[in-house]
Amino acid sequence: MEQLPPRQQTTEKFPVVGESSSGMELTRENWQLSVTGLVEQPKQYAWNDYLNLPQTIKTFDIHCVTRWSKLGNKISGVMLNDVLELSGIVPAAKFVQFIAYSDRDHDTSLPLDVCLNDDVMLVHAINDEPLAIEHGFPVRTFAPTKYFYKSLKWLKEIRLIEEDTLGFWERGGYHNNADFNKEERYVSGNLTDKELKRLREAKNFNRYKDQVLLSLDLSGLDFSGMDLSGVNLKNCNLDDCDFSNANLHKANLSNSSLLNCNLTNANLIGADLDGVLFMGSNLTNANLSETYLNATEFTRDGYESAIVKNTEFANAVTNGLVAKQLEFIATDS
């Protein structure tokens, strides 16, 4: 078992991350996998063809970019190496693009050498259970040396290409390399110094309403009473901010640090709080109903715990919270 990567915490559950459905009615009967691009022999596999490929079982850890890790998983499927060998690789091929059955055009890519050397697999079962729809039924990919967003759900096509192309999550600012040992979660801050200075001074997110803001330092700002509904602030430093009485309805704050913040009476209904750090923050009377709390932290040794007095957690998605965090919010809220 490898050492836990930086800033990860373990969970026994299997949280659902990303979309929970491809938007299409997939069955084993209508599913088909194509191998295309820079190959000598393009192939198509129906479900029974897939089952007739050499089957492999390996044990791997899963590490999600939202800071949860599920250790020691029994992964059942087919080695990508075996699939590529059957089609033959044209020398010009340098990358492998994976394309999903998806009404939102989900895809991702990996360097060919990673695919050939890092035990990348096509997977149909995890821990002896067939994949659920929300985890990529009937077949997904799994790249064990990368954050989990590099493992594509609802696999439709494997395409060998000469030049890399950014995938669905990578186009939104996720790091294209995704090495969890190096914490390659996101690209660097995506505003210029001038834009960031203007944002810190004006605290006006209207011009960025449809943009994901990444890895910005907005610490110490006063957002009290402001309408920040739907704002996207991923992997940002929001320490010591005042969000009291603020409207953060359906905001995406995933992987951001909110240490020592004032969140009293804040509306966080439906917000994505995966991987958020709340230690030292005051969440008295805050509404966290229907929020996503995978790998969120409210308490940690060496830090002052959050205050969750009268905090509302109704229908929050907590299947990715470790026991210590669940016990804390159950006891203190």
C-alpha atoms as a PDB file:
ATOM      1  CA  MET A   1       0.000   0.000   0.000  1.00  0.00           C
ATOM      2  CA  GLU A   2       1.490   3.307  -1.013  1.00  0.00           C
ATOM      3  CA  GLN A   3       1.804   6.238   1.375  1.00  0.00           C
ATOM      4  CA  LEU A   4      -1.188   8.580   1.387  1.00  0.00           C
ATOM      5  CA  PRO A   5      -0.521  11.503  -0.991  1.00  0.00           C
ATOM      6  CA  PRO A   6      -0.363  15.071   0.353  1.00  0.00           C
ATOM      7  CA  ARG A   7      -3.573  16.534   1.856  1.00  0.00           C
ATOM      8  CA  GLN A   8      -5.622  13.384   1.245  1.00  0.00           C
ATOM      9  CA  GLN A   9      -7.832  11.654   3.815  1.00  0.00           C
ATOM     10  CA  THR A  10      -9.170   8.126   3.680  1.00  0.00           C
ATOM     11  CA  THR A  11     -12.795   7.052   3.375  1.00  0.00           C
ATOM     12  CA  GLU A  12     -14.340   3.592   3.448  1.00  0.00           C
ATOM     13  CA  LYS A  13     -17.195   4.748   1.225  1.00  0.00           C
ATOM     14  CA  PHE A  14     -17.098   5.367  -2.518  1.00  0.00           C
ATOM     15  CA  PRO A  15     -18.185   8.996  -3.055  1.00  0.00           C
ATOM     16  CA  VAL A  16     -19.787  10.014  -6.332  1.00  0.00           C
ATOM     17  CA  VAL A  17     -17.790  12.774  -7.989  1.00  0.00           C
ATOM     18  CA  GLY A  18     -18.577  14.631 -11.188  1.00  0.00           C
ATOM     19  CA  GLU A  19     -21.769  13.835 -13.047  1.00  0.00           C
ATOM     20  CA  SER A  20     -23.877  10.945 -11.762  1.00  0.00           C
ATOM     21  CA  SER A  21     -25.232  10.059 -15.212  1.00  0.00           C
ATOM     22  CA  SER A  22     -24.028  10.208 -18.794  1.00  0.00           C
ATOM     23  CA  GLY A  23     -27.410  11.526 -19.847  1.00  0.00           C
ATOM     24  CA  MET A  24     -27.879   8.446 -22.013  1.00  0.00           C
ATOM     25  CA  GLU A  25     -29.631   5.108 -21.474  1.00  0.00           C
ATOM     26  CA  LEU A  26     -26.677   2.735 -21.402  1.00  0.00           C
ATOM     27  CA  THR A  27     -27.117  -1.022 -21.145  1.00  0.00           C
ATOM     28  CA  ARG A  28     -24.697  -3.889 -21.665  1.00  0.00           C
ATOM     29  CA  GLU A  29     -26.698  -4.732 -24.785  1.00  0.00           C
ATOM     30  CA  ASN A  30     -26.348  -1.335 -26.489  1.00  0.00           C
ATOM     31  CA  TRP A  31     -22.867  -0.472 -25.176  1.00  0.00           C
ATOM     32  CA  GLN A  32     -20.029  -0.663 -27.671  1.00  0.00           C
ATOM     33  CA  LEU A  33     -16.358   0.281 -27.440  1.00  0.00           C
ATOM     34  CA  SER A  34     -14.387   1.575 -30.425  1.00  0.00           C
ATOM     35  CA  VAL A  35     -10.598   1.726 -30.775  1.00  0.00           C
ATOM     36  CA  THR A  36      -9.719   4.323 -33.416  1.00  0.00           C
ATOM     37  CA  GLY A  37      -7.147   6.870 -34.528  1.00  0.00           C
ATOM     38  CA  LEU A  38      -3.502   6.016 -35.062  1.00  0.00           C
ATOM     39  CA  VAL A  39      -3.886   2.242 -34.900  1.00  0.00           C
ATOM     40  CA  GLU A  40      -3.160  -0.410 -37.508  1.00  0.00           C
ATOM     41  CA  GLN A  41      -6.492  -2.151 -37.022  1.00  0.00           C
ATOM     42  CA  PRO A  42      -9.476  -0.186 -35.686  1.00  0.00           C
ATOM     43  CA  LYS A  43     -11.674  -2.364 -33.502  1.00  0.00           C
ATOM     44  CA  GLN A  44     -15.164  -2.475 -32.075  1.00  0.00           C
ATOM     45  CA  TYR A  45     -16.134  -4.459 -29.013  1.00  0.00           C
ATOM     46  CA  ALA A  46     -19.618  -5.341 -27.848  1.00  0.00           C
ATOM     47  CA  TRP A  47     -20.112  -6.397 -24.220  1.00  0.00           C
ATOM     48  CA  ASN A  48     -19.461 -10.103 -24.857  1.00  0.00           C
ATOM     49  CA  ASP A  49     -16.373  -9.228 -26.919  1.00  0.00           C
ATOM     50  CA  TYR A  50     -15.091  -7.189 -23.998  1.00  0.00           C
ATOM     51  CA  LEU A  51     -15.623 -10.116 -21.618  1.00  0.00           C
ATOM     52  CA  ASN A  52     -13.635 -12.360 -23.968  1.00  0.00           C
ATOM     53  CA  LEU A  53     -10.572 -10.106 -23.688  1.00  0.00           C
ATOM     54  CA  PRO A  54      -7.915 -11.180 -21.141  1.00  0.00           C
ATOM     55  CA  GLN A  55      -9.410 -10.350 -17.740  1.00  0.00           C
ATOM     56  CA  THR A  56      -7.263  -8.935 -14.939  1.00  0.00           C
ATOM     57  CA  ILE A  57      -7.771  -8.235 -11.239  1.00  0.00           C
ATOM     58  CA  LYS A  58      -5.450  -5.808  -9.462  1.00  0.00           C
ATOM     59  CA  THR A  59      -5.498  -3.918  -6.172  1.00  0.00           C
ATOM     60  CA  PHE A  60      -5.113  -0.147  -6.294  1.00  0.00           C
ATOM     61  CA  ASP A  61      -5.809   2.964  -4.234  1.00  0.00           C
ATOM     62  CA  ILE A  62      -8.130   5.657  -5.608  1.00  0.00           C
ATOM     63  CA  HIS A  63      -7.179   9.294  -4.975  1.00  0.00           C
ATOM     64  CA  CYS A  64      -9.709  11.999  -5.822  1.00  0.00           C
ATOM     65  CA  VAL A  65      -8.774  15.622  -6.477  1.00  0.00           C
ATOM     66  CA  THR A  66     -11.342  16.600  -3.822  1.00  0.00           C
ATOM     67  CA  ARG A  67      -8.999  15.109  -1.195  1.00  0.00           C
ATOM     68  CA  TRP A  68     -10.586  11.746  -0.430  1.00  0.00           C
ATOM     69  CA  SER A  69      -8.741   8.483  -0.927  1.00  0.00           C
ATOM     70  CA  LYS A  70     -10.227   4.999  -0.966  1.00  0.00           C
ATOM     71  CA  LEU A  71      -7.507   2.464  -0.287  1.00  0.00           C
ATOM     72  CA  GLY A  72      -7.018  -1.153  -1.295  1.00  0.00           C
ATOM     73  CA  ASN A  73      -9.647  -1.497  -4.013  1.00  0.00           C
ATOM     74  CA  LYS A  74     -10.038  -4.703  -6.007  1.00  0.00           C
ATOM     75  CA  ILE A  75     -10.212  -3.527  -9.628  1.00  0.00           C
ATOM     76  CA  SER A  76     -11.587  -5.966 -12.219  1.00  0.00           C
ATOM     77  CA  GLY A  77     -11.274  -5.417 -15.937  1.00  0.00           C
ATOM     78  CA  VAL A  78      -8.953  -5.429 -18.922  1.00  0.00           C
ATOM     79  CA  MET A  79      -5.462  -3.970 -19.198  1.00  0.00           C
ATOM     80  CA  LEU A  80      -5.365  -1.142 -21.724  1.00  0.00           C
ATOM     81  CA  ASN A  81      -2.053  -2.584 -22.916  1.00  0.00           C
ATOM     82  CA  ASP A  82      -3.860  -5.715 -24.104  1.00  0.00           C
ATOM     83  CA  VAL A  83      -6.478  -3.708 -26.004  1.00  0.00           C
ATOM     84  CA  LEU A  84      -3.877  -1.538 -27.740  1.00  0.00           C
ATOM     85  CA  GLU A  85      -1.761  -4.538 -28.645  1.00  0.00           C
ATOM     86  CA  LEU A  86      -4.701  -6.108 -30.482  1.00  0.00           C
ATOM     87  CA  SER A  87      -5.134  -2.992 -32.628  1.00  0.00           C
ATOM     88  CA  GLY A  88      -1.444  -2.215 -33.153  1.00  0.00           C
ATOM     89  CA  ILE A  89      -0.021   1.251 -32.446  1.00  0.00           C
ATOM     90  CA  VAL A  90       1.099   3.499 -35.328  1.00  0.00           C
ATOM     91  CA  PRO A  91       4.528   5.051 -34.491  1.00  0.00           C
ATOM     92  CA  ALA A  92       3.135   8.601 -34.752  1.00  0.00           C
ATOM     93  CA  ALA A  93       0.813   8.010 -31.798  1.00  0.00           C
ATOM     94  CA  LYS A  94       1.883   9.888 -28.664  1.00  0.00           C
ATOM     95  CA  PHE A  95      -1.331  10.257 -26.639  1.00  0.00           C
ATOM     96  CA  VAL A  96      -4.482   8.297 -25.909  1.00  0.00           C
ATOM     97  CA  GLN A  97      -7.804  10.119 -25.808  1.00  0.00           C
ATOM     98  CA  PHE A  98     -10.718   8.503 -23.963  1.00  0.00           C
ATOM     99  CA  ILE A  99     -14.217   9.560 -25.013  1.00  0.00           C
ATOM    100  CA  ALA A 100     -17.403   8.897 -23.043  1.00  0.00           C
ATOM    101  CA  TYR A 101     -21.012   8.233 -23.830  1.00  0.00           C
ATOM    102  CA  SER A 102     -22.021  11.673 -22.616  1.00  0.00           C
ATOM    103  CA  ASP A 103     -24.406  14.442 -23.565  1.00  0.00           C
ATOM    104  CA  ARG A 104     -21.815  16.887 -22.194  1.00  0.00           C
ATOM    105  CA  ASP A 105     -18.864  15.608 -24.230  1.00  0.00           C
ATOM    106  CA  HIS A 106     -16.815  14.110 -21.406  1.00  0.00           C
ATOM    107  CA  ASP A 107     -13.333  13.041 -22.385  1.00  0.00           C
ATOM    108  CA  THR A 108      -9.783  12.975 -21.077  1.00  0.00           C
ATOM    109  CA  SER A 109      -6.328  12.020 -22.328  1.00  0.00           C
ATOM    110  CA  LEU A 110      -3.099  10.434 -21.139  1.00  0.00           C
ATOM    111  CA  PRO A 111       0.382  10.207 -22.655  1.00  0.00           C
ATOM    112  CA  LEU A 112       0.866   6.912 -24.447  1.00  0.00           C
ATOM    113  CA  ASP A 113       3.841   6.008 -22.258  1.00  0.00           C
ATOM    114  CA  VAL A 114       1.648   6.367 -19.141  1.00  0.00           C
ATOM    115  CA  CYS A 115      -0.932   4.072 -20.720  1.00  0.00           C
ATOM    116  CA  LEU A 116       1.715   1.466 -21.546  1.00  0.00           C
ATOM    117  CA  ASN A 117       3.655   1.575 -18.284  1.00  0.00           C
ATOM    118  CA  ASP A 118       1.328   2.616 -15.440  1.00  0.00           C
ATOM    119  CA  ASP A 119      -1.234  -0.221 -15.355  1.00  0.00           C
ATOM    120  CA  VAL A 120      -4.064   1.792 -16.920  1.00  0.00           C
ATOM    121  CA  MET A 121      -7.157  -0.395 -17.081  1.00  0.00           C
ATOM    122  CA  LEU A 122     -10.651  -0.654 -18.499  1.00  0.00           C
ATOM    123  CA  VAL A 123     -12.844  -1.456 -15.506  1.00  0.00           C
ATOM    124  CA  HIS A 124     -16.276  -3.035 -15.106  1.00  0.00           C
ATOM    125  CA  ALA A 125     -16.243  -3.919 -11.388  1.00  0.00           C
ATOM    126  CA  ILE A 126     -14.738  -2.520  -8.198  1.00  0.00           C
ATOM    127  CA  ASN A 127     -14.538  -4.608  -5.035  1.00  0.00           C
ATOM    128  CA  ASP A 128     -16.508  -7.388  -6.718  1.00  0.00           C
ATOM    129  CA  GLU A 129     -19.437  -5.061  -7.465  1.00  0.00           C
ATOM    130  CA  PRO A 130     -20.366  -4.126 -11.055  1.00  0.00           C
ATOM    131  CA  LEU A 131     -20.018  -0.417 -11.637  1.00  0.00           C
ATOM    132  CA  ALA A 132     -23.075   1.595 -10.684  1.00  0.00           C
ATOM    133  CA  ILE A 133     -24.322   4.085 -13.262  1.00  0.00           C
ATOM    134  CA  GLU A 134     -22.938   6.981 -11.221  1.00  0.00           C
ATOM    135  CA  HIS A 135     -19.496   5.355 -11.257  1.00  0.00           C
ATOM    136  CA  GLY A 136     -19.383   4.755 -15.018  1.00  0.00           C
ATOM    137  CA  PHE A 137     -21.447   1.644 -15.858  1.00  0.00           C
ATOM    138  CA  PRO A 138     -20.812  -0.497 -17.788  1.00  0.00           C
ATOM    139  CA  VAL A 139     -17.105   0.252 -18.378  1.00  0.00           C
ATOM    140  CA  ARG A 140     -14.833   3.081 -17.291  1.00  0.00           C
ATOM    141  CA  THR A 141     -11.093   3.655 -17.373  1.00  0.00           C
ATOM    142  CA  PHE A 142      -8.799   3.744 -14.360  1.00  0.00           C
ATOM    143  CA  ALA A 143      -5.383   5.445 -14.252  1.00  0.00           C
ATOM    144  CA  PRO A 144      -3.863   4.453 -10.880  1.00  0.00           C
ATOM    145  CA  THR A 145      -1.045   7.027 -10.870  1.00  0.00           C
ATOM    146  CA  LYS A 146      -3.345  10.014 -11.481  1.00  0.00           C
ATOM    147  CA  TYR A 147      -6.111  11.867  -9.680  1.00  0.00           C
ATOM    148  CA  PHE A 148      -9.442  10.169 -10.306  1.00  0.00           C
ATOM    149  CA  TYR A 149     -10.724  12.727 -12.858  1.00  0.00           C
ATOM    150  CA  LYS A 150      -8.257  11.166 -15.303  1.00  0.00           C
ATOM    151  CA  SER A 151     -10.313   7.960 -15.071  1.00  0.00           C
ATOM    152  CA  LEU A 152     -13.224   8.350 -17.491  1.00  0.00           C
ATOM    153  CA  LYS A 153     -16.752   7.117 -16.829  1.00  0.00           C
ATOM    154  CA  TRP A 154     -19.018   5.532 -19.492  1.00  0.00           C
ATOM    155  CA  LEU A 155     -16.220   4.667 -21.909  1.00  0.00           C
ATOM    156  CA  LYS A 156     -17.213   4.804 -25.590  1.00  0.00           C
ATOM    157  CA  GLU A 157     -14.009   5.264 -27.580  1.00  0.00           C
ATOM    158  CA  ILE A 158     -10.255   4.910 -27.237  1.00  0.00           C
ATOM    159  CA  ARG A 159      -8.559   7.134 -29.813  1.00  0.00           C
ATOM    160  CA  LEU A 160      -4.806   7.270 -30.383  1.00  0.00           C
ATOM    161  CA  ILE A 161      -3.609  10.730 -31.405  1.00  0.00           C
ATOM    162  CA  GLU A 162      -0.357  12.504 -32.242  1.00  0.00           C
ATOM    163  CA  GLU A 163      -0.941  15.774 -30.352  1.00  0.00           C
ATOM    164  CA  ASP A 164      -2.584  16.059 -26.961  1.00  0.00           C
ATOM    165  CA  THR A 165      -6.024  17.582 -26.473  1.00  0.00           C
ATOM    166  CA  LEU A 166      -7.385  18.858 -23.162  1.00  0.00           C
ATOM    167  CA  GLY A 167     -10.245  16.853 -21.685  1.00  0.00           C
ATOM    168  CA  PHE A 168     -13.559  17.928 -20.176  1.00  0.00           C
ATOM    169  CA  TRP A 169     -12.272  18.674 -16.674  1.00  0.00           C
ATOM    170  CA  GLU A 170      -8.912  19.929 -17.925  1.00  0.00           C
ATOM    171  CA  ARG A 171     -10.643  22.491 -20.124  1.00  0.00           C
ATOM    172  CA  GLY A 172     -12.171  23.818 -16.910  1.00  0.00           C
ATOM    173  CA  GLY A 173      -8.804  24.339 -15.227  1.00  0.00           C
ATOM    174  CA  TYR A 174      -7.908  20.938 -13.804  1.00  0.00           C
ATOM    175  CA  HIS A 175      -4.235  20.056 -14.200  1.00  0.00           C
ATOM    176  CA  ASN A 176      -3.557  18.003 -17.317  1.00  0.00           C
ATOM    177  CA  ASN A 177      -0.859  15.901 -15.643  1.00  0.00           C
ATOM    178  CA  ALA A 178      -2.784  15.169 -12.409  1.00  0.00           C
ATOM    179  CA  ASP A 179       0.094  13.609 -10.443  1.00  0.00           C
ATOM    180  CA  PHE A 180      -1.319  13.262  -6.921  1.00  0.00           C
ATOM    181  CA  ASN A 181       2.124  13.008  -5.329  1.00  0.00           C
ATOM    182  CA  LYS A 182       2.904  16.475  -6.691  1.00  0.00           C
ATOM    183  CA  GLU A 183      -0.585  17.837  -5.878  1.00  0.00           C
ATOM    184  CA  GLU A 184      -1.203  18.742  -9.496  1.00  0.00           C
ATOM    185  CA  ARG A 185      -4.877  19.500  -8.931  1.00  0.00           C
ATOM    186  CA  TYR A 186      -5.428  22.698 -10.911  1.00  0.00           C
ATOM    187  CA  VAL A 187      -3.584  25.078 -13.175  1.00  0.00           C
ATOM    188  CA  SER A 188      -2.146  28.161 -11.515  1.00  0.00           C
ATOM    189  CA  GLY A 189      -4.250  31.235 -10.788  1.00  0.00           C
ATOM    190  CA  ASN A 190      -6.095  32.190 -13.952  1.00  0.00           C
ATOM    191  CA  LEU A 191      -6.339  35.946 -13.443  1.00  0.00           C
ATOM    192  CA  THR A 192      -3.587  38.442 -14.142  1.00  0.00           C
ATOM    193  CA  ASP A 193      -2.134  40.367 -11.215  1.00  0.00           C
ATOM    194  CA  LYS A 194      -4.075  43.432 -12.384  1.00  0.00           C
ATOM    195  CA  GLU A 195      -7.361  41.499 -12.605  1.00  0.00           C
ATOM    196  CA  LEU A 196      -6.800  39.963  -9.181  1.00  0.00           C
ATOM    197  CA  LYS A 197      -6.034  43.376  -7.647  1.00  0.00           C
ATOM    198  CA  ARG A 198      -9.214  44.801  -9.177  1.00  0.00           C
ATOM    199  CA  LEU A 199     -11.250  41.860  -7.906  1.00  0.00           C
ATOM    200  CA  ARG A 200      -9.859  42.179  -4.389  1.00  0.00           C
ATOM    201  CA  GLU A 201     -10.653  45.900  -4.348  1.00  0.00           C
ATOM    202  CA  ALA A 202     -14.115  45.801  -5.924  1.00  0.00           C
ATOM    203  CA  LYS A 203     -15.189  42.321  -4.730  1.00  0.00           C
ATOM    204  CA  ASN A 204     -17.424  42.199  -7.803  1.00  0.00           C
ATOM    205  CA  PHE A 205     -17.778  38.747  -9.327  1.00  0.00           C
ATOM    206  CA  ASN A 206     -20.343  39.693 -11.979  1.00  0.00           C
ATOM    207  CA  ARG A 207     -17.836  39.720 -14.823  1.00  0.00           C
ATOM    208  CA  TYR A 208     -16.648  36.251 -13.782  1.00  0.00           C
ATOM    209  CA  LYS A 209     -20.130  34.764 -13.275  1.00  0.00           C
ATOM    210  CA  ASP A 210     -19.593  32.059 -15.907  1.00  0.00           C
ATOM    211  CA  GLN A 211     -15.888  31.532 -15.235  1.00  0.00           C
ATOM    212  CA  VAL A 212     -14.179  29.162 -12.815  1.00  0.00           C
ATOM    213  CA  LEU A 213     -11.676  31.153 -10.757  1.00  0.00           C
ATOM    214  CA  LEU A 214      -8.717  29.041  -9.706  1.00  0.00           C
ATOM    215  CA  SER A 215      -6.006  29.240  -7.052  1.00  0.00           C
ATOM    216  CA  LEU A 216      -6.556  32.910  -6.164  1.00  0.00           C
ATOM    217  CA  ASP A 217      -5.586  34.613  -2.911  1.00  0.00           C
ATOM    218  CA  LEU A 218      -8.719  36.423  -1.696  1.00  0.00           C
ATOM    219  CA  SER A 219      -7.914  36.051   1.992  1.00  0.00           C
ATOM    220  CA  GLY A 220      -9.087  38.590   4.565  1.00  0.00           C
ATOM    221  CA  LEU A 221     -11.839  40.200   2.481  1.00  0.00           C
ATOM    222  CA  ASP A 222     -15.221  41.358   3.783  1.00  0.00           C
ATOM    223  CA  PHE A 223     -18.023  39.702   1.810  1.00  0.00           C
ATOM    224  CA  SER A 224     -20.636  40.085   4.536  1.00  0.00           C
ATOM    225  CA  GLY A 225     -24.182  40.322   3.211  1.00  0.00           C
ATOM    226  CA  MET A 226     -23.094  40.012  -0.413  1.00  0.00           C
ATOM    227  CA  ASP A 227     -24.816  37.970  -3.110  1.00  0.00           C
ATOM    228  CA  LEU A 228     -22.192  35.437  -4.204  1.00  0.00           C
ATOM    229  CA  SER A 229     -24.658  32.840  -5.469  1.00  0.00           C
ATOM    230  CA  GLY A 230     -23.190  30.538  -8.117  1.00  0.00           C
ATOM    231  CA  VAL A 231     -19.647  31.890  -7.797  1.00  0.00           C
ATOM    232  CA  ASN A 232     -16.888  29.430  -8.765  1.00  0.00           C
ATOM    233  CA  LEU A 233     -13.833  29.709  -6.506  1.00  0.00           C
ATOM    234  CA  LYS A 234     -11.862  26.482  -6.675  1.00  0.00           C
ATOM    235  CA  ASN A 235      -8.652  25.893  -4.737  1.00  0.00           C
ATOM    236  CA  CYS A 236      -8.646  29.500  -3.532  1.00  0.00           C
ATOM    237  CA  ASN A 237      -7.286  31.011  -0.318  1.00  0.00           C
ATOM    238  CA  LEU A 238     -10.333  32.476   1.439  1.00  0.00           C
ATOM    239  CA  ASP A 239      -8.875  32.371   4.946  1.00  0.00           C
ATOM    240  CA  ASP A 240     -10.075  35.026   7.432  1.00  0.00           C
ATOM    241  CA  CYS A 241     -12.863  36.261   5.147  1.00  0.00           C
ATOM    242  CA  ASP A 242     -16.164  37.584   6.486  1.00  0.00           C
ATOM    243  CA  PHE A 243     -19.064  35.771   4.799  1.00  0.00           C
ATOM    244  CA  SER A 244     -21.616  36.528   7.502  1.00  0.00           C
ATOM    245  CA  ASN A 245     -25.147  36.791   6.059  1.00  0.00           C
ATOM    246  CA  ALA A 246     -23.714  36.223   2.573  1.00  0.00           C
ATOM    247  CA  ASN A 247     -25.640  34.357  -0.113  1.00  0.00           C
ATOM    248  CA  LEU A 248     -23.444  31.514  -1.402  1.00  0.00           C
ATOM    249  CA  HIS A 249     -26.309  29.471  -2.824  1.00  0.00           C
ATOM    250  CA  LYS A 250     -24.902  26.843  -5.219  1.00  0.00           C
ATOM    251  CA  ALA A 251     -21.424  28.358  -5.043  1.00  0.00           C
ATOM    252  CA  ASN A 252     -18.523  26.077  -5.925  1.00  0.00           C
ATOM    253  CA  LEU A 253     -15.774  26.439  -3.344  1.00  0.00           C
ATOM    254  CA  SER A 254     -14.233  22.999  -3.802  1.00  0.00           C
ATOM    255  CA  ASN A 255     -10.716  22.535  -2.417  1.00  0.00           C
ATOM    256  CA  SER A 256     -10.637  26.101  -1.105  1.00  0.00           C
ATOM    257  CA  SER A 257      -9.278  27.037   2.306  1.00  0.00           C
ATOM    258  CA  LEU A 258     -11.795  28.847   4.536  1.00  0.00           C
ATOM    259  CA  LEU A 259      -9.834  28.821   7.780  1.00  0.00           C
ATOM    260  CA  ASN A 260     -10.980  31.225  10.497  1.00  0.00           C
ATOM    261  CA  CYS A 261     -13.854  32.652   8.469  1.00  0.00           C
ATOM    262  CA  ASN A 262     -17.047  34.251   9.746  1.00  0.00           C
ATOM    263  CA  LEU A 263     -19.891  32.313   8.091  1.00  0.00           C
ATOM    264  CA  THR A 264     -22.632  33.069  10.600  1.00  0.00           C
ATOM    265  CA  ASN A 265     -26.078  33.054   8.976  1.00  0.00           C
ATOM    266  CA  ALA A 266     -24.524  32.347   5.558  1.00  0.00           C
ATOM    267  CA  ASN A 267     -26.666  30.663   2.905  1.00  0.00           C
ATOM    268  CA  LEU A 268     -24.641  27.780   1.442  1.00  0.00           C
ATOM    269  CA  ILE A 269     -27.597  25.711   0.233  1.00  0.00           C
ATOM    270  CA  GLY A 270     -26.554  23.431  -2.650  1.00  0.00           C
ATOM    271  CA  ALA A 271     -22.934  24.606  -2.572  1.00  0.00           C
ATOM    272  CA  ASP A 272     -20.050  22.351  -3.630  1.00  0.00           C
ATOM    273  CA  LEU A 273     -17.827  22.220  -0.565  1.00  0.00           C
ATOM    274  CA  ASP A 274     -15.817  19.132  -1.493  1.00  0.00           C
ATOM    275  CA  GLY A 275     -12.382  19.312   0.104  1.00  0.00           C
ATOM    276  CA  VAL A 276     -13.022  22.672   1.815  1.00  0.00           C
ATOM    277  CA  LEU A 277     -11.127  23.409   5.041  1.00  0.00           C
ATOM    278  CA  PHE A 278     -13.370  25.022   7.681  1.00  0.00           C
ATOM    279  CA  MET A 279     -11.181  24.731  10.778  1.00  0.00           C
ATOM    280  CA  GLY A 280     -11.469  27.767  13.046  1.00  0.00           C
ATOM    281  CA  SER A 281     -14.499  29.133  11.180  1.00  0.00           C
ATOM    282  CA  ASN A 282     -17.797  30.173  12.750  1.00  0.00           C
ATOM    283  CA  LEU A 283     -20.724  28.497  10.974  1.00  0.00           C
ATOM    284  CA  THR A 284     -23.339  29.349  13.586  1.00  0.00           C
ATOM    285  CA  ASN A 285     -26.821  29.370  11.993  1.00  0.00           C
ATOM    286  CA  ALA A 286     -25.326  28.775   8.541  1.00  0.00           C
ATOM    287  CA  ASN A 287     -27.390  26.687   6.131  1.00  0.00           C
ATOM    288  CA  LEU A 288     -25.423  23.846   4.523  1.00  0.00           C
ATOM    289  CA  SER A 289     -28.471  21.925   3.307  1.00  0.00           C
ATOM    290  CA  GLU A 290     -27.947  19.913   0.114  1.00  0.00           C
ATOM    291  CA  THR A 291     -24.246  20.749   0.045  1.00  0.00           C
ATOM    292  CA  TYR A 292     -21.523  18.388  -1.176  1.00  0.00           C
ATOM    293  CA  LEU A 293     -19.152  17.532   1.654  1.00  0.00           C
ATOM    294  CA  ASN A 294     -16.781  14.915   0.249  1.00  0.00           C
ATOM    295  CA  ALA A 295     -13.513  15.147   2.214  1.00  0.00           C
ATOM    296  CA  THR A 296     -14.563  18.461   3.800  1.00  0.00           C
ATOM    297  CA  GLU A 297     -12.812  19.158   7.113  1.00  0.00           C
ATOM    298  CA  PHE A 298     -14.304  20.913  10.139  1.00  0.00           C
ATOM    299  CA  THR A 299     -11.835  19.651  12.715  1.00  0.00           C
ATOM    300  CA  ARG A 300      -8.205  18.555  12.618  1.00  0.00           C
ATOM    301  CA  ASP A 301      -5.528  17.970  15.222  1.00  0.00           C
ATOM    302  CA  GLY A 302      -3.433  21.092  15.678  1.00  0.00           C
ATOM    303  CA  TYR A 303      -6.207  23.436  14.522  1.00  0.00           C
ATOM    304  CA  GLU A 304      -9.103  25.105  16.287  1.00  0.00           C
ATOM    305  CA  SER A 305     -12.295  23.301  15.325  1.00  0.00           C
ATOM    306  CA  ALA A 306     -15.098  25.012  13.438  1.00  0.00           C
ATOM    307  CA  ILE A 307     -18.161  26.217  15.340  1.00  0.00           C
ATOM    308  CA  VAL A 308     -21.259  24.493  13.956  1.00  0.00           C
ATOM    309  CA  LYS A 309     -23.877  25.625  16.465  1.00  0.00           C
ATOM    310  CA  ASN A 310     -27.369  25.414  14.918  1.00  0.00           C
ATOM    311  CA  THR A 311     -25.776  24.726  11.532  1.00  0.00           C
ATOM    312  CA  GLU A 312     -28.188  23.059   9.102  1.00  0.00           C
ATOM    313  CA  PHE A 313     -26.933  19.971   7.227  1.00  0.00           C
ATOM    314  CA  ALA A 314     -30.253  18.596   5.928  1.00  0.00           C
ATOM    315  CA  ASN A 315     -29.785  16.381   2.837  1.00  0.00           C
ATOM    316  CA  ALA A 316     -26.091  17.228   2.608  1.00  0.00           C
ATOM    317  CA  VAL A 317     -24.054  14.655   0.676  1.00  0.00           C
ATOM    318  CA  THR A 318     -21.821  13.286   3.406  1.00  0.00           C
ATOM    319  CA  ASN A 319     -20.897   9.835   2.072  1.00  0.00           C
ATOM    320  CA  GLY A 320     -17.354  11.083   1.467  1.00  0.00           C
ATOM    321  CA  LEU A 321     -16.852  12.479   4.968  1.00  0.00           C
ATOM    322  CA  VAL A 322     -14.531  10.447   7.164  1.00  0.00           C
ATOM    323  CA  ALA A 323     -15.902   9.209  10.493  1.00  0.00           C
ATOM    324  CA  LYS A 324     -14.134  11.884  12.531  1.00  0.00           C
ATOM    325  CA  GLN A 325     -15.824  14.683  10.569  1.00  0.00           C
ATOM    326  CA  LEU A 326     -19.240  13.001  10.628  1.00  0.00           C
ATOM    327  CA  GLU A 327     -19.023  12.553  14.384  1.00  0.00           C
ATOM    328  CA  PHE A 328     -17.973  16.164  14.853  1.00  0.00           C
ATOM    329  CA  ILE A 329     -20.848  17.746  12.920  1.00  0.00           C
ATOM    330  CA  ALA A 330     -23.355  15.286  14.461  1.00  0.00           C
ATOM    331  CA  THR A 331     -22.222  16.152  17.971  1.00  0.00           C
ATOM    332  CA  ASP A 332     -21.735  19.857  17.604  1.00  0.00           C
ATOM    333  CA  SER A 333     -24.418  21.005  15.175  1.00  0.00           C
END
